[in-house]
Amino acid sequence: MLAFAGNSLLCRAALQHTSIDAATFTSVRLATGAATLAVLVALRRSGPAWRAGSWPSAVALCVYAAGFSLAYVSLTAATGALLLFGAVQATMIGHGLYQGERLRPLPLAGLVMAFAGMGALLLPGLSAPPLGAAALMLLAGIAWGVYSLRGRGGGDPTDTTAGNFLRATPLALLVSVVTLDQAAWDWPGLGYAAASGALASGVGYALWYAALPSLRATQAATVQLSVPVIAAVGGVALLGEPLTLRLSLASIAILGGIALVIRDRAPRA
């Protein structure tokens, strides 16, 4: 979870304190993540990394990574992480409902509470996030939710993630080519992007997939509730970002509501 929150902090720090642009950050992040995961796959001797994964998943991964970076040009680390996490969980819960899952009254109230918190966060006001950036982060969250849903039952997770990163890298490079007139970078910015790709994404995802077999599905979902909190604390402590009352109350509503839904979906004896 520290690695997942670290992606938000590294991206925000790079776009706020260095010259790197969002498209270049995305390309470097995916390229270094792909290289790191390819090395991990090679060390496990599970075959060439490009054999796993798929192009549709790679497209979803690229949309997530590009939207994530573009949104963090204007969002704080805490707000971005909360919007991203809320959109991911809403996408996955919505897919379950579409597939025929039913919610009892308490988790249904939790879902309503989570959406109310999201709406309150986006209402116009002095502390409201920029609407365009918020929409980009919500799109990134939906894309990551689709990517996660496509990854269910798709073979070894590390191999699949490596293959998807390898495929997503040239797609991100195309975005960089299209926005070449806005391209900018410096060594600190490249360092942040490489750390986000190699450590927070490559190594972070490998660690997460190694831990998943020891966690129940509900435990795995619940522990992710810590990501926006870690990002908020890191943003305040490391980046000097404000923690507003609106963001605090919205976080309680969104994360608390999602927690109610997740707990109700736990398997019962």
C-alpha atoms as a PDB file:
ATOM      1  CA  MET A   1       0.000   0.000   0.000  1.00  0.00           C
ATOM      2  CA  LEU A   2       2.966   2.318   0.563  1.00  0.00           C
ATOM      3  CA  ALA A   3       3.997   1.674  -3.045  1.00  0.00           C
ATOM      4  CA  PHE A   4       0.508   2.418  -4.375  1.00  0.00           C
ATOM      5  CA  ALA A   5       0.311   5.668  -2.398  1.00  0.00           C
ATOM      6  CA  GLY A   6       3.896   6.391  -3.464  1.00  0.00           C
ATOM      7  CA  ASN A   7       2.774   6.604  -7.091  1.00  0.00           C
ATOM      8  CA  SER A   8       0.512   9.531  -6.186  1.00  0.00           C
ATOM      9  CA  LEU A   9       3.235  11.283  -4.185  1.00  0.00           C
ATOM     10  CA  LEU A  10       5.953  10.764  -6.794  1.00  0.00           C
ATOM     11  CA  CYS A  11       3.755  11.931  -9.673  1.00  0.00           C
ATOM     12  CA  ARG A  12       2.534  15.003  -7.803  1.00  0.00           C
ATOM     13  CA  ALA A  13       6.066  15.883  -6.654  1.00  0.00           C
ATOM     14  CA  ALA A  14       7.437  15.549 -10.196  1.00  0.00           C
ATOM     15  CA  LEU A  15       4.737  17.673 -11.810  1.00  0.00           C
ATOM     16  CA  GLN A  16       4.831  20.283  -9.044  1.00  0.00           C
ATOM     17  CA  HIS A  17       8.553  20.641  -8.397  1.00  0.00           C
ATOM     18  CA  THR A  18      10.306  19.656 -11.661  1.00  0.00           C
ATOM     19  CA  SER A  19      10.026  20.540 -15.343  1.00  0.00           C
ATOM     20  CA  ILE A  20       8.796  17.160 -16.603  1.00  0.00           C
ATOM     21  CA  ASP A  21       5.447  17.128 -18.433  1.00  0.00           C
ATOM     22  CA  ALA A  22       2.684  14.616 -17.746  1.00  0.00           C
ATOM     23  CA  ALA A  23       3.069  12.660 -21.009  1.00  0.00           C
ATOM     24  CA  THR A  24       6.821  12.194 -20.562  1.00  0.00           C
ATOM     25  CA  PHE A  25       6.264  11.149 -16.944  1.00  0.00           C
ATOM     26  CA  THR A  26       3.758   8.529 -18.133  1.00  0.00           C
ATOM     27  CA  SER A  27       6.087   7.149 -20.808  1.00  0.00           C
ATOM     28  CA  VAL A  28       9.070   6.879 -18.468  1.00  0.00           C
ATOM     29  CA  ARG A  29       6.927   5.355 -15.725  1.00  0.00           C
ATOM     30  CA  LEU A  30       5.531   2.622 -17.972  1.00  0.00           C
ATOM     31  CA  ALA A  31       8.882   1.951 -19.667  1.00  0.00           C
ATOM     32  CA  THR A  32      10.801   1.554 -16.392  1.00  0.00           C
ATOM     33  CA  GLY A  33       7.943  -0.475 -14.917  1.00  0.00           C
ATOM     34  CA  ALA A  34       7.993  -2.770 -17.955  1.00  0.00           C
ATOM     35  CA  ALA A  35      11.773  -3.192 -17.711  1.00  0.00           C
ATOM     36  CA  THR A  36      11.620  -3.975 -13.987  1.00  0.00           C
ATOM     37  CA  LEU A  37       8.802  -6.491 -14.388  1.00  0.00           C
ATOM     38  CA  ALA A  38      10.531  -8.123 -17.373  1.00  0.00           C
ATOM     39  CA  VAL A  39      13.638  -8.655 -15.214  1.00  0.00           C
ATOM     40  CA  LEU A  40      11.520 -10.136 -12.404  1.00  0.00           C
ATOM     41  CA  VAL A  41       9.844 -12.505 -14.869  1.00  0.00           C
ATOM     42  CA  ALA A  42      13.225 -13.508 -16.308  1.00  0.00           C
ATOM     43  CA  LEU A  43      14.595 -14.227 -12.824  1.00  0.00           C
ATOM     44  CA  ARG A  44      11.644 -16.529 -12.207  1.00  0.00           C
ATOM     45  CA  ARG A  45      12.358 -18.247 -15.539  1.00  0.00           C
ATOM     46  CA  SER A  46       8.691 -18.167 -16.514  1.00  0.00           C
ATOM     47  CA  GLY A  47       9.322 -17.340 -20.151  1.00  0.00           C
ATOM     48  CA  PRO A  48       9.407 -14.113 -22.165  1.00  0.00           C
ATOM     49  CA  ALA A  49       7.319 -11.407 -20.488  1.00  0.00           C
ATOM     50  CA  TRP A  50       5.621 -10.346 -23.717  1.00  0.00           C
ATOM     51  CA  ARG A  51       3.855 -13.704 -24.087  1.00  0.00           C
ATOM     52  CA  ALA A  52       1.440 -12.883 -21.234  1.00  0.00           C
ATOM     53  CA  GLY A  53      -1.047 -10.030 -21.093  1.00  0.00           C
ATOM     54  CA  SER A  54      -3.233  -8.618 -23.874  1.00  0.00           C
ATOM     55  CA  TRP A  55      -3.669  -5.473 -25.937  1.00  0.00           C
ATOM     56  CA  PRO A  56      -7.116  -4.558 -24.514  1.00  0.00           C
ATOM     57  CA  SER A  57      -5.657  -4.684 -20.988  1.00  0.00           C
ATOM     58  CA  ALA A  58      -2.653  -2.660 -22.159  1.00  0.00           C
ATOM     59  CA  VAL A  59      -4.991   0.026 -23.543  1.00  0.00           C
ATOM     60  CA  ALA A  60      -6.806   0.195 -20.186  1.00  0.00           C
ATOM     61  CA  LEU A  61      -3.439   0.419 -18.401  1.00  0.00           C
ATOM     62  CA  CYS A  62      -2.274   3.248 -20.673  1.00  0.00           C
ATOM     63  CA  VAL A  63      -5.532   5.193 -20.229  1.00  0.00           C
ATOM     64  CA  TYR A  64      -5.150   4.836 -16.454  1.00  0.00           C
ATOM     65  CA  ALA A  65      -1.492   5.949 -16.426  1.00  0.00           C
ATOM     66  CA  ALA A  66      -2.030   8.892 -18.801  1.00  0.00           C
ATOM     67  CA  GLY A  67      -5.173  10.130 -17.034  1.00  0.00           C
ATOM     68  CA  PHE A  68      -3.430   9.733 -13.667  1.00  0.00           C
ATOM     69  CA  SER A  69      -0.476  11.906 -14.703  1.00  0.00           C
ATOM     70  CA  LEU A  70      -2.523  14.555 -16.506  1.00  0.00           C
ATOM     71  CA  ALA A  71      -4.873  14.892 -13.515  1.00  0.00           C
ATOM     72  CA  TYR A  72      -2.026  15.365 -11.050  1.00  0.00           C
ATOM     73  CA  VAL A  73      -0.962  18.542 -12.822  1.00  0.00           C
ATOM     74  CA  SER A  74      -3.782  20.227 -10.865  1.00  0.00           C
ATOM     75  CA  LEU A  75      -4.838  17.848  -8.049  1.00  0.00           C
ATOM     76  CA  THR A  76      -3.245  17.366  -4.641  1.00  0.00           C
ATOM     77  CA  ALA A  77      -1.936  13.893  -3.806  1.00  0.00           C
ATOM     78  CA  ALA A  78      -4.772  13.267  -1.329  1.00  0.00           C
ATOM     79  CA  THR A  79      -7.608  14.405  -3.602  1.00  0.00           C
ATOM     80  CA  GLY A  80      -6.230  12.469  -6.562  1.00  0.00           C
ATOM     81  CA  ALA A  81      -5.816   9.244  -4.579  1.00  0.00           C
ATOM     82  CA  LEU A  82      -9.327   9.531  -3.152  1.00  0.00           C
ATOM     83  CA  LEU A  83     -10.935  10.126  -6.554  1.00  0.00           C
ATOM     84  CA  LEU A  84      -8.894   7.328  -8.127  1.00  0.00           C
ATOM     85  CA  PHE A  85      -9.663   4.819  -5.392  1.00  0.00           C
ATOM     86  CA  GLY A  86     -13.357   5.746  -5.332  1.00  0.00           C
ATOM     87  CA  ALA A  87     -13.666   5.316  -9.100  1.00  0.00           C
ATOM     88  CA  VAL A  88     -11.835   1.966  -9.052  1.00  0.00           C
ATOM     89  CA  GLN A  89     -14.063   0.539  -6.338  1.00  0.00           C
ATOM     90  CA  ALA A  90     -17.242   1.990  -7.887  1.00  0.00           C
ATOM     91  CA  THR A  91     -16.338   0.392 -11.233  1.00  0.00           C
ATOM     92  CA  MET A  92     -15.710  -3.021  -9.699  1.00  0.00           C
ATOM     93  CA  ILE A  93     -18.768  -2.908  -7.439  1.00  0.00           C
ATOM     94  CA  GLY A  94     -20.883  -1.674 -10.364  1.00  0.00           C
ATOM     95  CA  HIS A  95     -19.662  -4.579 -12.474  1.00  0.00           C
ATOM     96  CA  GLY A  96     -20.709  -6.979  -9.722  1.00  0.00           C
ATOM     97  CA  LEU A  97     -24.189  -5.445  -9.603  1.00  0.00           C
ATOM     98  CA  TYR A  98     -24.436  -5.678 -13.404  1.00  0.00           C
ATOM     99  CA  GLN A  99     -23.516  -9.366 -13.148  1.00  0.00           C
ATOM    100  CA  GLY A 100     -26.435  -9.968 -10.800  1.00  0.00           C
ATOM    101  CA  GLU A 101     -25.014  -9.360  -7.324  1.00  0.00           C
ATOM    102  CA  ARG A 102     -27.489  -7.888  -4.862  1.00  0.00           C
ATOM    103  CA  LEU A 103     -26.805  -5.549  -1.956  1.00  0.00           C
ATOM    104  CA  ARG A 104     -28.634  -5.682   1.358  1.00  0.00           C
ATOM    105  CA  PRO A 105     -29.839  -2.452   3.044  1.00  0.00           C
ATOM    106  CA  LEU A 106     -26.655  -1.664   5.013  1.00  0.00           C
ATOM    107  CA  PRO A 107     -24.176  -2.000   2.127  1.00  0.00           C
ATOM    108  CA  LEU A 108     -26.663  -0.232  -0.153  1.00  0.00           C
ATOM    109  CA  ALA A 109     -26.624   2.668   2.306  1.00  0.00           C
ATOM    110  CA  GLY A 110     -22.830   2.497   2.221  1.00  0.00           C
ATOM    111  CA  LEU A 111     -22.824   2.772  -1.579  1.00  0.00           C
ATOM    112  CA  VAL A 112     -25.149   5.795  -1.416  1.00  0.00           C
ATOM    113  CA  MET A 113     -22.910   7.349   1.253  1.00  0.00           C
ATOM    114  CA  ALA A 114     -19.807   6.830  -0.895  1.00  0.00           C
ATOM    115  CA  PHE A 115     -21.393   8.484  -3.943  1.00  0.00           C
ATOM    116  CA  ALA A 116     -22.686  11.328  -1.765  1.00  0.00           C
ATOM    117  CA  GLY A 117     -19.145  11.885  -0.494  1.00  0.00           C
ATOM    118  CA  MET A 118     -17.836  11.924  -4.064  1.00  0.00           C
ATOM    119  CA  GLY A 119     -20.487  14.431  -5.065  1.00  0.00           C
ATOM    120  CA  ALA A 120     -19.750  16.643  -2.051  1.00  0.00           C
ATOM    121  CA  LEU A 121     -16.055  16.649  -2.922  1.00  0.00           C
ATOM    122  CA  LEU A 122     -16.779  17.824  -6.460  1.00  0.00           C
ATOM    123  CA  LEU A 123     -19.359  20.507  -5.593  1.00  0.00           C
ATOM    124  CA  PRO A 124     -18.267  24.035  -6.606  1.00  0.00           C
ATOM    125  CA  GLY A 125     -16.458  26.007  -3.927  1.00  0.00           C
ATOM    126  CA  LEU A 126     -13.102  27.418  -2.925  1.00  0.00           C
ATOM    127  CA  SER A 127     -11.742  24.001  -1.919  1.00  0.00           C
ATOM    128  CA  ALA A 128     -13.242  22.063  -4.821  1.00  0.00           C
ATOM    129  CA  PRO A 129     -10.751  20.331  -7.149  1.00  0.00           C
ATOM    130  CA  PRO A 130     -10.609  21.545 -10.786  1.00  0.00           C
ATOM    131  CA  LEU A 131     -13.420  19.790 -12.638  1.00  0.00           C
ATOM    132  CA  GLY A 132     -11.320  18.840 -15.669  1.00  0.00           C
ATOM    133  CA  ALA A 133      -8.557  17.301 -13.567  1.00  0.00           C
ATOM    134  CA  ALA A 134     -11.118  15.493 -11.411  1.00  0.00           C
ATOM    135  CA  ALA A 135     -12.764  14.048 -14.544  1.00  0.00           C
ATOM    136  CA  LEU A 136      -9.378  12.805 -15.783  1.00  0.00           C
ATOM    137  CA  MET A 137      -8.688  11.080 -12.452  1.00  0.00           C
ATOM    138  CA  LEU A 138     -12.140   9.490 -12.436  1.00  0.00           C
ATOM    139  CA  LEU A 139     -11.463   8.227 -15.983  1.00  0.00           C
ATOM    140  CA  ALA A 140      -8.129   6.844 -14.763  1.00  0.00           C
ATOM    141  CA  GLY A 141      -9.918   5.057 -11.923  1.00  0.00           C
ATOM    142  CA  ILE A 142     -12.501   3.543 -14.271  1.00  0.00           C
ATOM    143  CA  ALA A 143      -9.701   2.359 -16.574  1.00  0.00           C
ATOM    144  CA  TRP A 144      -7.835   0.786 -13.641  1.00  0.00           C
ATOM    145  CA  GLY A 145     -11.049  -0.904 -12.510  1.00  0.00           C
ATOM    146  CA  VAL A 146     -11.534  -2.341 -16.019  1.00  0.00           C
ATOM    147  CA  TYR A 147      -7.885  -3.429 -16.037  1.00  0.00           C
ATOM    148  CA  SER A 148      -8.335  -5.176 -12.682  1.00  0.00           C
ATOM    149  CA  LEU A 149     -11.525  -6.914 -13.809  1.00  0.00           C
ATOM    150  CA  ARG A 150      -9.841  -8.133 -16.993  1.00  0.00           C
ATOM    151  CA  GLY A 151      -6.977  -9.520 -14.923  1.00  0.00           C
ATOM    152  CA  ARG A 152      -9.151 -11.940 -12.978  1.00  0.00           C
ATOM    153  CA  GLY A 153      -8.229 -15.488 -13.899  1.00  0.00           C
ATOM    154  CA  GLY A 154      -5.752 -14.329 -16.497  1.00  0.00           C
ATOM    155  CA  GLY A 155      -2.801 -16.554 -15.519  1.00  0.00           C
ATOM    156  CA  ASP A 156       0.165 -15.631 -13.346  1.00  0.00           C
ATOM    157  CA  PRO A 157      -0.435 -12.003 -12.213  1.00  0.00           C
ATOM    158  CA  THR A 158       3.211 -10.909 -12.379  1.00  0.00           C
ATOM    159  CA  ASP A 159       3.699 -12.359 -15.875  1.00  0.00           C
ATOM    160  CA  THR A 160       0.424 -10.807 -17.059  1.00  0.00           C
ATOM    161  CA  THR A 161       1.302  -7.406 -15.569  1.00  0.00           C
ATOM    162  CA  ALA A 162       4.736  -7.500 -17.226  1.00  0.00           C
ATOM    163  CA  GLY A 163       3.198  -8.283 -20.616  1.00  0.00           C
ATOM    164  CA  ASN A 164       0.631  -5.512 -20.225  1.00  0.00           C
ATOM    165  CA  PHE A 165       3.294  -2.963 -19.235  1.00  0.00           C
ATOM    166  CA  LEU A 166       5.401  -3.934 -22.259  1.00  0.00           C
ATOM    167  CA  ARG A 167       2.421  -3.420 -24.573  1.00  0.00           C
ATOM    168  CA  ALA A 168       1.317  -0.183 -22.877  1.00  0.00           C
ATOM    169  CA  THR A 169       4.741   1.453 -23.237  1.00  0.00           C
ATOM    170  CA  PRO A 170       4.574   2.110 -27.012  1.00  0.00           C
ATOM    171  CA  LEU A 171       1.008   3.415 -26.557  1.00  0.00           C
ATOM    172  CA  ALA A 172       2.287   5.917 -23.995  1.00  0.00           C
ATOM    173  CA  LEU A 173       5.105   6.892 -26.338  1.00  0.00           C
ATOM    174  CA  LEU A 174       2.489   7.695 -28.992  1.00  0.00           C
ATOM    175  CA  VAL A 175       0.849  10.091 -26.530  1.00  0.00           C
ATOM    176  CA  SER A 176       4.249  11.705 -25.986  1.00  0.00           C
ATOM    177  CA  VAL A 177       4.713  12.085 -29.748  1.00  0.00           C
ATOM    178  CA  VAL A 178       1.277  13.693 -30.139  1.00  0.00           C
ATOM    179  CA  THR A 179       2.088  16.192 -27.354  1.00  0.00           C
ATOM    180  CA  LEU A 180       5.706  16.691 -28.440  1.00  0.00           C
ATOM    181  CA  ASP A 181       5.323  20.479 -28.601  1.00  0.00           C
ATOM    182  CA  GLN A 182       4.631  20.454 -24.832  1.00  0.00           C
ATOM    183  CA  ALA A 183       7.409  18.023 -23.945  1.00  0.00           C
ATOM    184  CA  ALA A 184       9.790  19.026 -21.154  1.00  0.00           C
ATOM    185  CA  TRP A 185      11.994  17.178 -18.710  1.00  0.00           C
ATOM    186  CA  ASP A 186      14.877  17.474 -16.306  1.00  0.00           C
ATOM    187  CA  TRP A 187      16.899  14.903 -14.395  1.00  0.00           C
ATOM    188  CA  PRO A 188      14.953  15.176 -11.102  1.00  0.00           C
ATOM    189  CA  GLY A 189      11.694  14.720 -13.023  1.00  0.00           C
ATOM    190  CA  LEU A 190      13.038  11.671 -14.830  1.00  0.00           C
ATOM    191  CA  GLY A 191      14.195  10.310 -11.473  1.00  0.00           C
ATOM    192  CA  TYR A 192      10.711  10.656  -9.982  1.00  0.00           C
ATOM    193  CA  ALA A 193       9.175   8.973 -13.051  1.00  0.00           C
ATOM    194  CA  ALA A 194      11.701   6.121 -12.973  1.00  0.00           C
ATOM    195  CA  ALA A 195      11.109   5.582  -9.246  1.00  0.00           C
ATOM    196  CA  SER A 196       7.356   5.532  -9.853  1.00  0.00           C
ATOM    197  CA  GLY A 197       7.753   2.956 -12.625  1.00  0.00           C
ATOM    198  CA  ALA A 198      10.487   0.700 -11.244  1.00  0.00           C
ATOM    199  CA  LEU A 199       9.743   0.832  -7.504  1.00  0.00           C
ATOM    200  CA  ALA A 200       6.180   1.966  -6.844  1.00  0.00           C
ATOM    201  CA  SER A 201       4.766   0.172  -9.921  1.00  0.00           C
ATOM    202  CA  GLY A 202       7.116  -2.684 -10.880  1.00  0.00           C
ATOM    203  CA  VAL A 203       8.347  -3.846  -7.471  1.00  0.00           C
ATOM    204  CA  GLY A 204       5.171  -2.637  -5.746  1.00  0.00           C
ATOM    205  CA  TYR A 205       2.877  -4.700  -7.958  1.00  0.00           C
ATOM    206  CA  ALA A 206       5.153  -7.754  -7.608  1.00  0.00           C
ATOM    207  CA  LEU A 207       5.013  -7.478  -3.808  1.00  0.00           C
ATOM    208  CA  TRP A 208       1.254  -7.041  -3.869  1.00  0.00           C
ATOM    209  CA  TYR A 209       0.707 -10.125  -6.004  1.00  0.00           C
ATOM    210  CA  ALA A 210       3.066 -12.096  -3.754  1.00  0.00           C
ATOM    211  CA  ALA A 211       0.981 -11.099  -0.715  1.00  0.00           C
ATOM    212  CA  LEU A 212      -2.431 -11.703  -2.308  1.00  0.00           C
ATOM    213  CA  PRO A 213      -2.467 -15.530  -1.888  1.00  0.00           C
ATOM    214  CA  SER A 214      -2.225 -15.058   1.887  1.00  0.00           C
ATOM    215  CA  LEU A 215      -5.158 -12.622   2.019  1.00  0.00           C
ATOM    216  CA  ARG A 216      -8.878 -13.258   1.763  1.00  0.00           C
ATOM    217  CA  ALA A 217     -10.583 -11.243  -0.962  1.00  0.00           C
ATOM    218  CA  THR A 218     -12.259  -9.005   1.617  1.00  0.00           C
ATOM    219  CA  GLN A 219      -8.977  -8.439   3.450  1.00  0.00           C
ATOM    220  CA  ALA A 220      -7.287  -7.484   0.184  1.00  0.00           C
ATOM    221  CA  ALA A 221     -10.064  -5.038  -0.670  1.00  0.00           C
ATOM    222  CA  THR A 222     -10.228  -3.536   2.822  1.00  0.00           C
ATOM    223  CA  VAL A 223      -6.484  -2.959   3.157  1.00  0.00           C
ATOM    224  CA  GLN A 224      -6.623  -0.803   0.026  1.00  0.00           C
ATOM    225  CA  LEU A 225      -8.727   1.668   1.996  1.00  0.00           C
ATOM    226  CA  SER A 226      -5.422   2.797   3.507  1.00  0.00           C
ATOM    227  CA  VAL A 227      -4.029   4.097   0.186  1.00  0.00           C
ATOM    228  CA  PRO A 228      -5.813   7.499   0.111  1.00  0.00           C
ATOM    229  CA  VAL A 229      -5.020   7.976   3.818  1.00  0.00           C
ATOM    230  CA  ILE A 230      -1.307   7.278   3.269  1.00  0.00           C
ATOM    231  CA  ALA A 231      -1.306   9.611   0.250  1.00  0.00           C
ATOM    232  CA  ALA A 232      -3.000  12.347   2.278  1.00  0.00           C
ATOM    233  CA  VAL A 233      -0.504  12.073   5.141  1.00  0.00           C
ATOM    234  CA  GLY A 234       2.408  11.992   2.683  1.00  0.00           C
ATOM    235  CA  GLY A 235       1.057  14.978   0.779  1.00  0.00           C
ATOM    236  CA  VAL A 236       0.756  17.054   3.940  1.00  0.00           C
ATOM    237  CA  ALA A 237       4.085  15.954   5.446  1.00  0.00           C
ATOM    238  CA  LEU A 238       6.278  15.802   2.330  1.00  0.00           C
ATOM    239  CA  LEU A 239       4.684  18.167  -0.188  1.00  0.00           C
ATOM    240  CA  GLY A 240       3.188  20.797   2.113  1.00  0.00           C
ATOM    241  CA  GLU A 241      -0.335  20.242   0.775  1.00  0.00           C
ATOM    242  CA  PRO A 242      -3.377  21.413   2.776  1.00  0.00           C
ATOM    243  CA  LEU A 243      -5.833  18.947   4.305  1.00  0.00           C
ATOM    244  CA  THR A 244      -9.178  20.723   4.016  1.00  0.00           C
ATOM    245  CA  LEU A 245     -12.344  20.036   5.992  1.00  0.00           C
ATOM    246  CA  ARG A 246     -14.188  19.183   2.769  1.00  0.00           C
ATOM    247  CA  LEU A 247     -11.592  16.566   1.813  1.00  0.00           C
ATOM    248  CA  SER A 248     -11.611  15.076   5.337  1.00  0.00           C
ATOM    249  CA  LEU A 249     -15.409  14.726   5.439  1.00  0.00           C
ATOM    250  CA  ALA A 250     -15.557  13.394   1.870  1.00  0.00           C
ATOM    251  CA  SER A 251     -12.867  10.834   2.712  1.00  0.00           C
ATOM    252  CA  ILE A 252     -14.861   9.580   5.702  1.00  0.00           C
ATOM    253  CA  ALA A 253     -18.014   9.252   3.576  1.00  0.00           C
ATOM    254  CA  ILE A 254     -16.347   7.604   0.558  1.00  0.00           C
ATOM    255  CA  LEU A 255     -14.022   5.215   2.384  1.00  0.00           C
ATOM    256  CA  GLY A 256     -16.567   4.399   5.106  1.00  0.00           C
ATOM    257  CA  GLY A 257     -19.282   3.700   2.547  1.00  0.00           C
ATOM    258  CA  ILE A 258     -17.030   1.456   0.466  1.00  0.00           C
ATOM    259  CA  ALA A 259     -15.951  -0.387   3.618  1.00  0.00           C
ATOM    260  CA  LEU A 260     -19.597  -1.225   4.358  1.00  0.00           C
ATOM    261  CA  VAL A 261     -20.051  -2.650   0.857  1.00  0.00           C
ATOM    262  CA  ILE A 262     -16.824  -4.665   0.985  1.00  0.00           C
ATOM    263  CA  ARG A 263     -17.560  -6.174   4.408  1.00  0.00           C
ATOM    264  CA  ASP A 264     -21.008  -7.328   3.317  1.00  0.00           C
ATOM    265  CA  ARG A 265     -19.491  -9.126   0.318  1.00  0.00           C
ATOM    266  CA  ALA A 266     -17.244 -11.217   2.577  1.00  0.00           C
ATOM    267  CA  PRO A 267     -17.765 -15.005   2.249  1.00  0.00           C
ATOM    268  CA  ARG A 268     -19.788 -16.464   5.107  1.00  0.00           C
ATOM    269  CA  ALA A 269     -19.351 -19.891   6.646  1.00  0.00           C
END
